[in-house]
Amino acid sequence: MSSGRTGYAEAVKVYYDPKIISFQDLVIIFFGSHDPTTLNQQGPDEGPQYRSIAFYKTENEKKIIQNYISKLSNEKIFKEPIVTEVKKIEKFYEAEDYHQNYEKLKSD
């Protein structure tokens, strides 16, 4: 069981080909696939490791994320304020084997 005291956030590392899909499109999908207004909770999972967080590598990616958050906020897409943390990726730690392909395993 996870205590949430490490400061880490559970996340998915996405590999993509920018010739096929843009970073902007990935950001739109990200914000459309979870609740960015719930602090430290996604679905039934609670704790700081389940916070909404968007990682970036470049200043341009950071700007894309921040601009999209501003757009969603200005258009009042969500009833509550967006609490998504925007942070530069420093290191990605892969989860244990039993966390890999979770959605695929769940449906088998």
PDB file of N, CA and C in Angstrom:
ATOM      1  N   MET A   1       0.840  -1.181   0.000  1.00  0.00           N
ATOM      2  CA  MET A   1       0.000   0.000   0.000  1.00  0.00           C
ATOM      3  C   MET A   1       0.884   1.243   0.000  1.00  0.00           C
ATOM      4  N   SER A   2       0.462   2.242  -0.713  1.00  0.00           N
ATOM      5  CA  SER A   2       1.240   3.465  -0.865  1.00  0.00           C
ATOM      6  C   SER A   2       0.785   4.501   0.150  1.00  0.00           C
ATOM      7  N   SER A   3       1.734   5.178   0.769  1.00  0.00           N
ATOM      8  CA  SER A   3       1.410   6.183   1.776  1.00  0.00           C
ATOM      9  C   SER A   3       1.248   7.574   1.179  1.00  0.00           C
ATOM     10  N   GLY A   4       1.826   7.808  -0.001  1.00  0.00           N
ATOM     11  CA  GLY A   4       1.754   9.126  -0.613  1.00  0.00           C
ATOM     12  C   GLY A   4       2.743  10.120  -0.042  1.00  0.00           C
ATOM     13  N   ARG A   5       3.681   9.672   0.788  1.00  0.00           N
ATOM     14  CA  ARG A   5       4.607  10.593   1.445  1.00  0.00           C
ATOM     15  C   ARG A   5       5.879  10.863   0.645  1.00  0.00           C
ATOM     16  N   THR A   6       6.069  10.201  -0.480  1.00  0.00           N
ATOM     17  CA  THR A   6       7.307  10.381  -1.243  1.00  0.00           C
ATOM     18  C   THR A   6       7.315  11.660  -2.062  1.00  0.00           C
ATOM     19  N   GLY A   7       6.147  12.208  -2.321  1.00  0.00           N
ATOM     20  CA  GLY A   7       6.053  13.375  -3.195  1.00  0.00           C
ATOM     21  C   GLY A   7       5.874  12.985  -4.651  1.00  0.00           C
ATOM     22  N   TYR A   8       5.982  11.695  -4.942  1.00  0.00           N
ATOM     23  CA  TYR A   8       5.811  11.214  -6.316  1.00  0.00           C
ATOM     24  C   TYR A   8       4.336  11.225  -6.694  1.00  0.00           C
ATOM     25  N   ALA A   9       4.088  11.283  -7.981  1.00  0.00           N
ATOM     26  CA  ALA A   9       2.729  11.179  -8.504  1.00  0.00           C
ATOM     27  C   ALA A   9       2.675   9.982  -9.435  1.00  0.00           C
ATOM     28  N   GLU A  10       1.589   9.238  -9.359  1.00  0.00           N
ATOM     29  CA  GLU A  10       1.417   8.139 -10.295  1.00  0.00           C
ATOM     30  C   GLU A  10       1.095   8.749 -11.653  1.00  0.00           C
ATOM     31  N   ALA A  11       1.804   8.302 -12.675  1.00  0.00           N
ATOM     32  CA  ALA A  11       1.657   8.898 -13.999  1.00  0.00           C
ATOM     33  C   ALA A  11       1.878   7.845 -15.077  1.00  0.00           C
ATOM     34  N   VAL A  12       1.501   8.196 -16.267  1.00  0.00           N
ATOM     35  CA  VAL A  12       1.703   7.355 -17.437  1.00  0.00           C
ATOM     36  C   VAL A  12       2.702   8.062 -18.336  1.00  0.00           C
ATOM     37  N   LYS A  13       3.700   7.337 -18.802  1.00  0.00           N
ATOM     38  CA  LYS A  13       4.662   7.903 -19.747  1.00  0.00           C
ATOM     39  C   LYS A  13       4.136   7.616 -21.149  1.00  0.00           C
ATOM     40  N   VAL A  14       3.976   8.672 -21.923  1.00  0.00           N
ATOM     41  CA  VAL A  14       3.404   8.547 -23.264  1.00  0.00           C
ATOM     42  C   VAL A  14       4.502   8.736 -24.305  1.00  0.00           C
ATOM     43  N   TYR A  15       4.634   7.762 -25.177  1.00  0.00           N
ATOM     44  CA  TYR A  15       5.537   7.869 -26.320  1.00  0.00           C
ATOM     45  C   TYR A  15       4.659   8.181 -27.523  1.00  0.00           C
ATOM     46  N   TYR A  16       5.045   9.187 -28.284  1.00  0.00           N
ATOM     47  CA  TYR A  16       4.221   9.546 -29.436  1.00  0.00           C
ATOM     48  C   TYR A  16       5.089  10.069 -30.569  1.00  0.00           C
ATOM     49  N   ASP A  17       4.511  10.039 -31.749  1.00  0.00           N
ATOM     50  CA  ASP A  17       5.184  10.546 -32.944  1.00  0.00           C
ATOM     51  C   ASP A  17       4.531  11.876 -33.305  1.00  0.00           C
ATOM     52  N   PRO A  18       5.253  12.996 -33.173  1.00  0.00           N
ATOM     53  CA  PRO A  18       4.660  14.304 -33.457  1.00  0.00           C
ATOM     54  C   PRO A  18       4.227  14.472 -34.919  1.00  0.00           C
ATOM     55  N   LYS A  19       4.642  13.553 -35.792  1.00  0.00           N
ATOM     56  CA  LYS A  19       4.148  13.579 -37.171  1.00  0.00           C
ATOM     57  C   LYS A  19       2.723  13.043 -37.243  1.00  0.00           C
ATOM     58  N   ILE A  20       2.315  12.308 -36.207  1.00  0.00           N
ATOM     59  CA  ILE A  20       0.990  11.695 -36.184  1.00  0.00           C
ATOM     60  C   ILE A  20       0.028  12.445 -35.267  1.00  0.00           C
ATOM     61  N   ILE A  21       0.514  12.845 -34.103  1.00  0.00           N
ATOM     62  CA  ILE A  21      -0.318  13.578 -33.142  1.00  0.00           C
ATOM     63  C   ILE A  21       0.545  14.648 -32.475  1.00  0.00           C
ATOM     64  N   SER A  22      -0.035  15.796 -32.259  1.00  0.00           N
ATOM     65  CA  SER A  22       0.718  16.902 -31.664  1.00  0.00           C
ATOM     66  C   SER A  22       0.673  16.839 -30.137  1.00  0.00           C
ATOM     67  N   PHE A  23       1.623  17.517 -29.521  1.00  0.00           N
ATOM     68  CA  PHE A  23       1.622  17.634 -28.062  1.00  0.00           C
ATOM     69  C   PHE A  23       0.344  18.334 -27.605  1.00  0.00           C
ATOM     70  N   GLN A  24      -0.087  19.339 -28.352  1.00  0.00           N
ATOM     71  CA  GLN A  24      -1.338  20.056 -28.046  1.00  0.00           C
ATOM     72  C   GLN A  24      -2.509  19.081 -27.995  1.00  0.00           C
ATOM     73  N   ASP A  25      -2.604  18.181 -28.970  1.00  0.00           N
ATOM     74  CA  ASP A  25      -3.689  17.197 -28.973  1.00  0.00           C
ATOM     75  C   ASP A  25      -3.599  16.271 -27.767  1.00  0.00           C
ATOM     76  N   LEU A  26      -2.395  15.892 -27.380  1.00  0.00           N
ATOM     77  CA  LEU A  26      -2.227  15.046 -26.193  1.00  0.00           C
ATOM     78  C   LEU A  26      -2.687  15.777 -24.933  1.00  0.00           C
ATOM     79  N   VAL A  27      -2.419  17.061 -24.861  1.00  0.00           N
ATOM     80  CA  VAL A  27      -2.865  17.864 -23.712  1.00  0.00           C
ATOM     81  C   VAL A  27      -4.394  17.905 -23.666  1.00  0.00           C
ATOM     82  N   ILE A  28      -5.023  18.086 -24.809  1.00  0.00           N
ATOM     83  CA  ILE A  28      -6.491  18.109 -24.874  1.00  0.00           C
ATOM     84  C   ILE A  28      -7.056  16.765 -24.407  1.00  0.00           C
ATOM     85  N   ILE A  29      -6.460  15.684 -24.867  1.00  0.00           N
ATOM     86  CA  ILE A  29      -6.902  14.345 -24.449  1.00  0.00           C
ATOM     87  C   ILE A  29      -6.701  14.165 -22.945  1.00  0.00           C
ATOM     88  N   PHE A  30      -5.558  14.603 -22.438  1.00  0.00           N
ATOM     89  CA  PHE A  30      -5.273  14.491 -21.006  1.00  0.00           C
ATOM     90  C   PHE A  30      -6.359  15.169 -20.179  1.00  0.00           C
ATOM     91  N   PHE A  31      -6.691  16.402 -20.514  1.00  0.00           N
ATOM     92  CA  PHE A  31      -7.679  17.133 -19.725  1.00  0.00           C
ATOM     93  C   PHE A  31      -9.097  16.614 -19.940  1.00  0.00           C
ATOM     94  N   GLY A  32      -9.324  15.910 -21.035  1.00  0.00           N
ATOM     95  CA  GLY A  32     -10.636  15.321 -21.276  1.00  0.00           C
ATOM     96  C   GLY A  32     -10.802  13.934 -20.684  1.00  0.00           C
ATOM     97  N   SER A  33      -9.714  13.375 -20.147  1.00  0.00           N
ATOM     98  CA  SER A  33      -9.777  11.987 -19.681  1.00  0.00           C
ATOM     99  C   SER A  33      -9.721  11.830 -18.158  1.00  0.00           C
ATOM    100  N   HIS A  34      -9.687  12.935 -17.438  1.00  0.00           N
ATOM    101  CA  HIS A  34      -9.691  12.858 -15.978  1.00  0.00           C
ATOM    102  C   HIS A  34     -10.262  14.152 -15.419  1.00  0.00           C
ATOM    103  N   ASP A  35     -10.468  14.189 -14.114  1.00  0.00           N
ATOM    104  CA  ASP A  35     -11.007  15.381 -13.473  1.00  0.00           C
ATOM    105  C   ASP A  35      -9.857  16.241 -12.954  1.00  0.00           C
ATOM    106  N   PRO A  36      -9.542  17.332 -13.649  1.00  0.00           N
ATOM    107  CA  PRO A  36      -8.422  18.184 -13.228  1.00  0.00           C
ATOM    108  C   PRO A  36      -8.774  19.144 -12.092  1.00  0.00           C
ATOM    109  N   THR A  37      -9.983  19.011 -11.544  1.00  0.00           N
ATOM    110  CA  THR A  37     -10.418  19.920 -10.475  1.00  0.00           C
ATOM    111  C   THR A  37     -10.422  19.269  -9.099  1.00  0.00           C
ATOM    112  N   THR A  38     -10.120  17.986  -9.045  1.00  0.00           N
ATOM    113  CA  THR A  38     -10.156  17.269  -7.777  1.00  0.00           C
ATOM    114  C   THR A  38      -8.746  17.154  -7.220  1.00  0.00           C
ATOM    115  N   LEU A  39      -8.514  17.761  -6.082  1.00  0.00           N
ATOM    116  CA  LEU A  39      -7.192  17.756  -5.466  1.00  0.00           C
ATOM    117  C   LEU A  39      -6.914  16.400  -4.826  1.00  0.00           C
ATOM    118  N   ASN A  40      -5.802  15.794  -5.223  1.00  0.00           N
ATOM    119  CA  ASN A  40      -5.337  14.546  -4.617  1.00  0.00           C
ATOM    120  C   ASN A  40      -6.335  13.394  -4.704  1.00  0.00           C
ATOM    121  N   GLN A  41      -7.014  13.313  -5.838  1.00  0.00           N
ATOM    122  CA  GLN A  41      -7.939  12.196  -6.030  1.00  0.00           C
ATOM    123  C   GLN A  41      -8.252  12.045  -7.511  1.00  0.00           C
ATOM    124  N   GLN A  42      -8.259  10.799  -7.958  1.00  0.00           N
ATOM    125  CA  GLN A  42      -8.748  10.464  -9.293  1.00  0.00           C
ATOM    126  C   GLN A  42      -9.574   9.205  -9.141  1.00  0.00           C
ATOM    127  N   GLY A  43     -10.851   9.298  -9.476  1.00  0.00           N
ATOM    128  CA  GLY A  43     -11.750   8.169  -9.286  1.00  0.00           C
ATOM    129  C   GLY A  43     -11.783   7.793  -7.820  1.00  0.00           C
ATOM    130  N   PRO A  44     -11.707   6.496  -7.517  1.00  0.00           N
ATOM    131  CA  PRO A  44     -11.764   6.064  -6.120  1.00  0.00           C
ATOM    132  C   PRO A  44     -10.424   6.192  -5.386  1.00  0.00           C
ATOM    133  N   ASP A  45      -9.360   6.532  -6.119  1.00  0.00           N
ATOM    134  CA  ASP A  45      -8.027   6.613  -5.522  1.00  0.00           C
ATOM    135  C   ASP A  45      -7.797   7.984  -4.903  1.00  0.00           C
ATOM    136  N   GLU A  46      -7.397   7.981  -3.627  1.00  0.00           N
ATOM    137  CA  GLU A  46      -7.173   9.233  -2.913  1.00  0.00           C
ATOM    138  C   GLU A  46      -5.754   9.308  -2.361  1.00  0.00           C
ATOM    139  N   GLY A  47      -5.211  10.508  -2.311  1.00  0.00           N
ATOM    140  CA  GLY A  47      -3.878  10.754  -1.781  1.00  0.00           C
ATOM    141  C   GLY A  47      -3.099  11.623  -2.741  1.00  0.00           C
ATOM    142  N   PRO A  48      -2.037  12.254  -2.272  1.00  0.00           N
ATOM    143  CA  PRO A  48      -1.274  13.181  -3.115  1.00  0.00           C
ATOM    144  C   PRO A  48      -0.639  12.513  -4.335  1.00  0.00           C
ATOM    145  N   GLN A  49      -0.412  11.203  -4.287  1.00  0.00           N
ATOM    146  CA  GLN A  49       0.161  10.512  -5.439  1.00  0.00           C
ATOM    147  C   GLN A  49      -0.848  10.407  -6.585  1.00  0.00           C
ATOM    148  N   TYR A  50      -2.124  10.709  -6.313  1.00  0.00           N
ATOM    149  CA  TYR A  50      -3.172  10.651  -7.341  1.00  0.00           C
ATOM    150  C   TYR A  50      -3.599  12.041  -7.797  1.00  0.00           C
ATOM    151  N   ARG A  51      -2.754  13.036  -7.536  1.00  0.00           N
ATOM    152  CA  ARG A  51      -3.092  14.396  -7.952  1.00  0.00           C
ATOM    153  C   ARG A  51      -3.029  14.523  -9.479  1.00  0.00           C
ATOM    154  N   SER A  52      -3.712  15.517  -9.988  1.00  0.00           N
ATOM    155  CA  SER A  52      -3.634  15.825 -11.414  1.00  0.00           C
ATOM    156  C   SER A  52      -2.323  16.561 -11.657  1.00  0.00           C
ATOM    157  N   ILE A  53      -1.506  15.996 -12.539  1.00  0.00           N
ATOM    158  CA  ILE A  53      -0.204  16.604 -12.815  1.00  0.00           C
ATOM    159  C   ILE A  53       0.137  16.405 -14.283  1.00  0.00           C
ATOM    160  N   ALA A  54       0.619  17.454 -14.905  1.00  0.00           N
ATOM    161  CA  ALA A  54       1.042  17.401 -16.313  1.00  0.00           C
ATOM    162  C   ALA A  54       2.531  17.725 -16.354  1.00  0.00           C
ATOM    163  N   PHE A  55       3.306  16.797 -16.873  1.00  0.00           N
ATOM    164  CA  PHE A  55       4.748  16.985 -16.974  1.00  0.00           C
ATOM    165  C   PHE A  55       5.129  17.519 -18.352  1.00  0.00           C
ATOM    166  N   TYR A  56       6.195  18.286 -18.396  1.00  0.00           N
ATOM    167  CA  TYR A  56       6.698  18.811 -19.664  1.00  0.00           C
ATOM    168  C   TYR A  56       8.209  18.640 -19.711  1.00  0.00           C
ATOM    169  N   LYS A  57       8.748  18.624 -20.945  1.00  0.00           N
ATOM    170  CA  LYS A  57      10.201  18.563 -21.142  1.00  0.00           C
ATOM    171  C   LYS A  57      10.762  19.913 -21.547  1.00  0.00           C
ATOM    172  N   THR A  58      10.029  20.653 -22.349  1.00  0.00           N
ATOM    173  CA  THR A  58      10.523  21.918 -22.894  1.00  0.00           C
ATOM    174  C   THR A  58       9.650  23.084 -22.429  1.00  0.00           C
ATOM    175  N   GLU A  59      10.199  24.274 -22.538  1.00  0.00           N
ATOM    176  CA  GLU A  59       9.418  25.470 -22.193  1.00  0.00           C
ATOM    177  C   GLU A  59       8.207  25.616 -23.112  1.00  0.00           C
ATOM    178  N   ASN A  60       8.332  25.197 -24.356  1.00  0.00           N
ATOM    179  CA  ASN A  60       7.202  25.254 -25.278  1.00  0.00           C
ATOM    180  C   ASN A  60       6.075  24.330 -24.819  1.00  0.00           C
ATOM    181  N   GLU A  61       6.424  23.124 -24.371  1.00  0.00           N
ATOM    182  CA  GLU A  61       5.402  22.207 -23.853  1.00  0.00           C
ATOM    183  C   GLU A  61       4.732  22.803 -22.615  1.00  0.00           C
ATOM    184  N   LYS A  62       5.514  23.424 -21.750  1.00  0.00           N
ATOM    185  CA  LYS A  62       4.964  24.073 -20.559  1.00  0.00           C
ATOM    186  C   LYS A  62       3.948  25.136 -20.963  1.00  0.00           C
ATOM    187  N   LYS A  63       4.320  25.929 -21.954  1.00  0.00           N
ATOM    188  CA  LYS A  63       3.448  27.001 -22.424  1.00  0.00           C
ATOM    189  C   LYS A  63       2.142  26.434 -22.997  1.00  0.00           C
ATOM    190  N   ILE A  64       2.239  25.339 -23.732  1.00  0.00           N
ATOM    191  CA  ILE A  64       1.048  24.696 -24.307  1.00  0.00           C
ATOM    192  C   ILE A  64       0.102  24.247 -23.195  1.00  0.00           C
ATOM    193  N   ILE A  65       0.651  23.609 -22.168  1.00  0.00           N
ATOM    194  CA  ILE A  65      -0.174  23.152 -21.040  1.00  0.00           C
ATOM    195  C   ILE A  65      -0.819  24.339 -20.332  1.00  0.00           C
ATOM    196  N   GLN A  66      -0.011  25.348 -20.007  1.00  0.00           N
ATOM    197  CA  GLN A  66      -0.537  26.508 -19.279  1.00  0.00           C
ATOM    198  C   GLN A  66      -1.587  27.262 -20.097  1.00  0.00           C
ATOM    199  N   ASN A  67      -1.362  27.404 -21.388  1.00  0.00           N
ATOM    200  CA  ASN A  67      -2.339  28.081 -22.241  1.00  0.00           C
ATOM    201  C   ASN A  67      -3.652  27.320 -22.303  1.00  0.00           C
ATOM    202  N   TYR A  68      -3.564  25.991 -22.322  1.00  0.00           N
ATOM    203  CA  TYR A  68      -4.799  25.202 -22.384  1.00  0.00           C
ATOM    204  C   TYR A  68      -5.550  25.275 -21.051  1.00  0.00           C
ATOM    205  N   ILE A  69      -4.832  25.272 -19.951  1.00  0.00           N
ATOM    206  CA  ILE A  69      -5.483  25.445 -18.650  1.00  0.00           C
ATOM    207  C   ILE A  69      -6.182  26.804 -18.607  1.00  0.00           C
ATOM    208  N   SER A  70      -5.533  27.834 -19.098  1.00  0.00           N
ATOM    209  CA  SER A  70      -6.141  29.172 -19.140  1.00  0.00           C
ATOM    210  C   SER A  70      -7.399  29.172 -19.991  1.00  0.00           C
ATOM    211  N   LYS A  71      -7.337  28.514 -21.137  1.00  0.00           N
ATOM    212  CA  LYS A  71      -8.498  28.426 -22.039  1.00  0.00           C
ATOM    213  C   LYS A  71      -9.663  27.730 -21.338  1.00  0.00           C
ATOM    214  N   LEU A  72      -9.393  26.589 -20.706  1.00  0.00           N
ATOM    215  CA  LEU A  72     -10.450  25.859 -19.999  1.00  0.00           C
ATOM    216  C   LEU A  72     -11.033  26.709 -18.871  1.00  0.00           C
ATOM    217  N   SER A  73     -10.175  27.402 -18.161  1.00  0.00           N
ATOM    218  CA  SER A  73     -10.624  28.242 -17.045  1.00  0.00           C
ATOM    219  C   SER A  73     -11.444  29.419 -17.546  1.00  0.00           C
ATOM    220  N   ASN A  74     -10.967  30.105 -18.570  1.00  0.00           N
ATOM    221  CA  ASN A  74     -11.677  31.264 -19.113  1.00  0.00           C
ATOM    222  C   ASN A  74     -13.036  30.896 -19.689  1.00  0.00           C
ATOM    223  N   GLU A  75     -13.113  29.715 -20.289  1.00  0.00           N
ATOM    224  CA  GLU A  75     -14.372  29.252 -20.875  1.00  0.00           C
ATOM    225  C   GLU A  75     -15.262  28.552 -19.851  1.00  0.00           C
ATOM    226  N   LYS A  76     -14.788  28.468 -18.614  1.00  0.00           N
ATOM    227  CA  LYS A  76     -15.538  27.851 -17.517  1.00  0.00           C
ATOM    228  C   LYS A  76     -16.047  26.455 -17.896  1.00  0.00           C
ATOM    229  N   ILE A  77     -15.139  25.661 -18.453  1.00  0.00           N
ATOM    230  CA  ILE A  77     -15.468  24.296 -18.862  1.00  0.00           C
ATOM    231  C   ILE A  77     -15.780  23.433 -17.640  1.00  0.00           C
ATOM    232  N   PHE A  78     -15.092  23.691 -16.541  1.00  0.00           N
ATOM    233  CA  PHE A  78     -15.315  22.957 -15.300  1.00  0.00           C
ATOM    234  C   PHE A  78     -15.945  23.892 -14.276  1.00  0.00           C
ATOM    235  N   LYS A  79     -16.805  23.337 -13.425  1.00  0.00           N
ATOM    236  CA  LYS A  79     -17.462  24.148 -12.393  1.00  0.00           C
ATOM    237  C   LYS A  79     -16.481  24.608 -11.318  1.00  0.00           C
ATOM    238  N   GLU A  80     -15.501  23.774 -11.036  1.00  0.00           N
ATOM    239  CA  GLU A  80     -14.504  24.072 -10.001  1.00  0.00           C
ATOM    240  C   GLU A  80     -13.189  24.493 -10.658  1.00  0.00           C
ATOM    241  N   PRO A  81     -12.302  25.165  -9.916  1.00  0.00           N
ATOM    242  CA  PRO A  81     -11.005  25.564 -10.472  1.00  0.00           C
ATOM    243  C   PRO A  81     -10.130  24.350 -10.816  1.00  0.00           C
ATOM    244  N   ILE A  82      -9.334  24.484 -11.835  1.00  0.00           N
ATOM    245  CA  ILE A  82      -8.388  23.437 -12.228  1.00  0.00           C
ATOM    246  C   ILE A  82      -7.213  23.468 -11.258  1.00  0.00           C
ATOM    247  N   VAL A  83      -6.880  22.301 -10.714  1.00  0.00           N
ATOM    248  CA  VAL A  83      -5.798  22.209  -9.726  1.00  0.00           C
ATOM    249  C   VAL A  83      -4.595  21.431 -10.270  1.00  0.00           C
ATOM    250  N   THR A  84      -4.582  21.178 -11.546  1.00  0.00           N
ATOM    251  CA  THR A  84      -3.500  20.415 -12.159  1.00  0.00           C
ATOM    252  C   THR A  84      -2.158  21.093 -11.931  1.00  0.00           C
ATOM    253  N   GLU A  85      -1.215  20.326 -11.423  1.00  0.00           N
ATOM    254  CA  GLU A  85       0.151  20.802 -11.237  1.00  0.00           C
ATOM    255  C   GLU A  85       0.883  20.680 -12.569  1.00  0.00           C
ATOM    256  N   VAL A  86       1.661  21.675 -12.923  1.00  0.00           N
ATOM    257  CA  VAL A  86       2.459  21.654 -14.156  1.00  0.00           C
ATOM    258  C   VAL A  86       3.922  21.654 -13.719  1.00  0.00           C
ATOM    259  N   LYS A  87       4.629  20.591 -14.099  1.00  0.00           N
ATOM    260  CA  LYS A  87       5.978  20.419 -13.572  1.00  0.00           C
ATOM    261  C   LYS A  87       6.912  19.835 -14.627  1.00  0.00           C
ATOM    262  N   LYS A  88       8.143  20.309 -14.621  1.00  0.00           N
ATOM    263  CA  LYS A  88       9.157  19.759 -15.522  1.00  0.00           C
ATOM    264  C   LYS A  88       9.505  18.338 -15.082  1.00  0.00           C
ATOM    265  N   ILE A  89       9.549  17.428 -16.043  1.00  0.00           N
ATOM    266  CA  ILE A  89       9.899  16.038 -15.736  1.00  0.00           C
ATOM    267  C   ILE A  89      11.390  15.966 -15.438  1.00  0.00           C
ATOM    268  N   GLU A  90      11.724  15.366 -14.331  1.00  0.00           N
ATOM    269  CA  GLU A  90      13.127  15.195 -13.968  1.00  0.00           C
ATOM    270  C   GLU A  90      13.556  13.750 -14.129  1.00  0.00           C
ATOM    271  N   LYS A  91      12.767  12.859 -13.597  1.00  0.00           N
ATOM    272  CA  LYS A  91      13.064  11.439 -13.703  1.00  0.00           C
ATOM    273  C   LYS A  91      11.749  10.685 -13.647  1.00  0.00           C
ATOM    274  N   PHE A  92      11.634   9.639 -14.456  1.00  0.00           N
ATOM    275  CA  PHE A  92      10.438   8.807 -14.467  1.00  0.00           C
ATOM    276  C   PHE A  92      10.804   7.447 -13.890  1.00  0.00           C
ATOM    277  N   TYR A  93      10.103   7.047 -12.862  1.00  0.00           N
ATOM    278  CA  TYR A  93      10.327   5.737 -12.244  1.00  0.00           C
ATOM    279  C   TYR A  93       9.222   4.796 -12.715  1.00  0.00           C
ATOM    280  N   GLU A  94       9.622   3.716 -13.335  1.00  0.00           N
ATOM    281  CA  GLU A  94       8.646   2.751 -13.828  1.00  0.00           C
ATOM    282  C   GLU A  94       8.022   2.003 -12.650  1.00  0.00           C
ATOM    283  N   ALA A  95       6.725   1.766 -12.749  1.00  0.00           N
ATOM    284  CA  ALA A  95       6.005   1.052 -11.691  1.00  0.00           C
ATOM    285  C   ALA A  95       6.356  -0.432 -11.700  1.00  0.00           C
ATOM    286  N   GLU A  96       5.991  -1.085 -10.631  1.00  0.00           N
ATOM    287  CA  GLU A  96       6.218  -2.518 -10.504  1.00  0.00           C
ATOM    288  C   GLU A  96       5.480  -3.258 -11.615  1.00  0.00           C
ATOM    289  N   ASP A  97       5.916  -4.493 -11.888  1.00  0.00           N
ATOM    290  CA  ASP A  97       5.327  -5.294 -12.958  1.00  0.00           C
ATOM    291  C   ASP A  97       3.809  -5.420 -12.841  1.00  0.00           C
ATOM    292  N   TYR A  98       3.294  -5.579 -11.625  1.00  0.00           N
ATOM    293  CA  TYR A  98       1.844  -5.794 -11.486  1.00  0.00           C
ATOM    294  C   TYR A  98       1.028  -4.554 -11.857  1.00  0.00           C
ATOM    295  N   HIS A  99       1.688  -3.407 -12.040  1.00  0.00           N
ATOM    296  CA  HIS A  99       1.001  -2.198 -12.491  1.00  0.00           C
ATOM    297  C   HIS A  99       1.040  -2.057 -14.021  1.00  0.00           C
ATOM    298  N   GLN A 100       1.866  -2.822 -14.686  1.00  0.00           N
ATOM    299  CA  GLN A 100       2.026  -2.694 -16.128  1.00  0.00           C
ATOM    300  C   GLN A 100       0.812  -3.295 -16.856  1.00  0.00           C
ATOM    301  N   ASN A 101       0.392  -2.637 -17.923  1.00  0.00           N
ATOM    302  CA  ASN A 101      -0.751  -3.096 -18.731  1.00  0.00           C
ATOM    303  C   ASN A 101      -2.003  -3.304 -17.889  1.00  0.00           C
ATOM    304  N   TYR A 102      -2.195  -2.470 -16.903  1.00  0.00           N
ATOM    305  CA  TYR A 102      -3.306  -2.600 -15.952  1.00  0.00           C
ATOM    306  C   TYR A 102      -4.652  -2.674 -16.659  1.00  0.00           C
ATOM    307  N   GLU A 103      -4.911  -1.739 -17.556  1.00  0.00           N
ATOM    308  CA  GLU A 103      -6.202  -1.728 -18.239  1.00  0.00           C
ATOM    309  C   GLU A 103      -6.402  -2.976 -19.095  1.00  0.00           C
ATOM    310  N   LYS A 104      -5.345  -3.422 -19.766  1.00  0.00           N
ATOM    311  CA  LYS A 104      -5.434  -4.618 -20.590  1.00  0.00           C
ATOM    312  C   LYS A 104      -5.689  -5.832 -19.709  1.00  0.00           C
ATOM    313  N   LEU A 105      -4.973  -5.956 -18.615  1.00  0.00           N
ATOM    314  CA  LEU A 105      -5.142  -7.093 -17.707  1.00  0.00           C
ATOM    315  C   LEU A 105      -6.518  -7.091 -17.079  1.00  0.00           C
ATOM    316  N   LYS A 106      -7.031  -5.925 -16.759  1.00  0.00           N
ATOM    317  CA  LYS A 106      -8.340  -5.797 -16.131  1.00  0.00           C
ATOM    318  C   LYS A 106      -9.451  -6.307 -17.041  1.00  0.00           C
ATOM    319  N   SER A 107      -9.287  -6.133 -18.348  1.00  0.00           N
ATOM    320  CA  SER A 107     -10.335  -6.532 -19.295  1.00  0.00           C
ATOM    321  C   SER A 107     -10.207  -7.975 -19.752  1.00  0.00           C
ATOM    322  N   ASP A 108      -9.079  -8.623 -19.477  1.00  0.00           N
ATOM    323  CA  ASP A 108      -8.897 -10.029 -19.898  1.00  0.00           C
ATOM    324  C   ASP A 108      -9.719 -10.985 -19.046  1.00  0.00           C
TER     325      ASP A 108
END
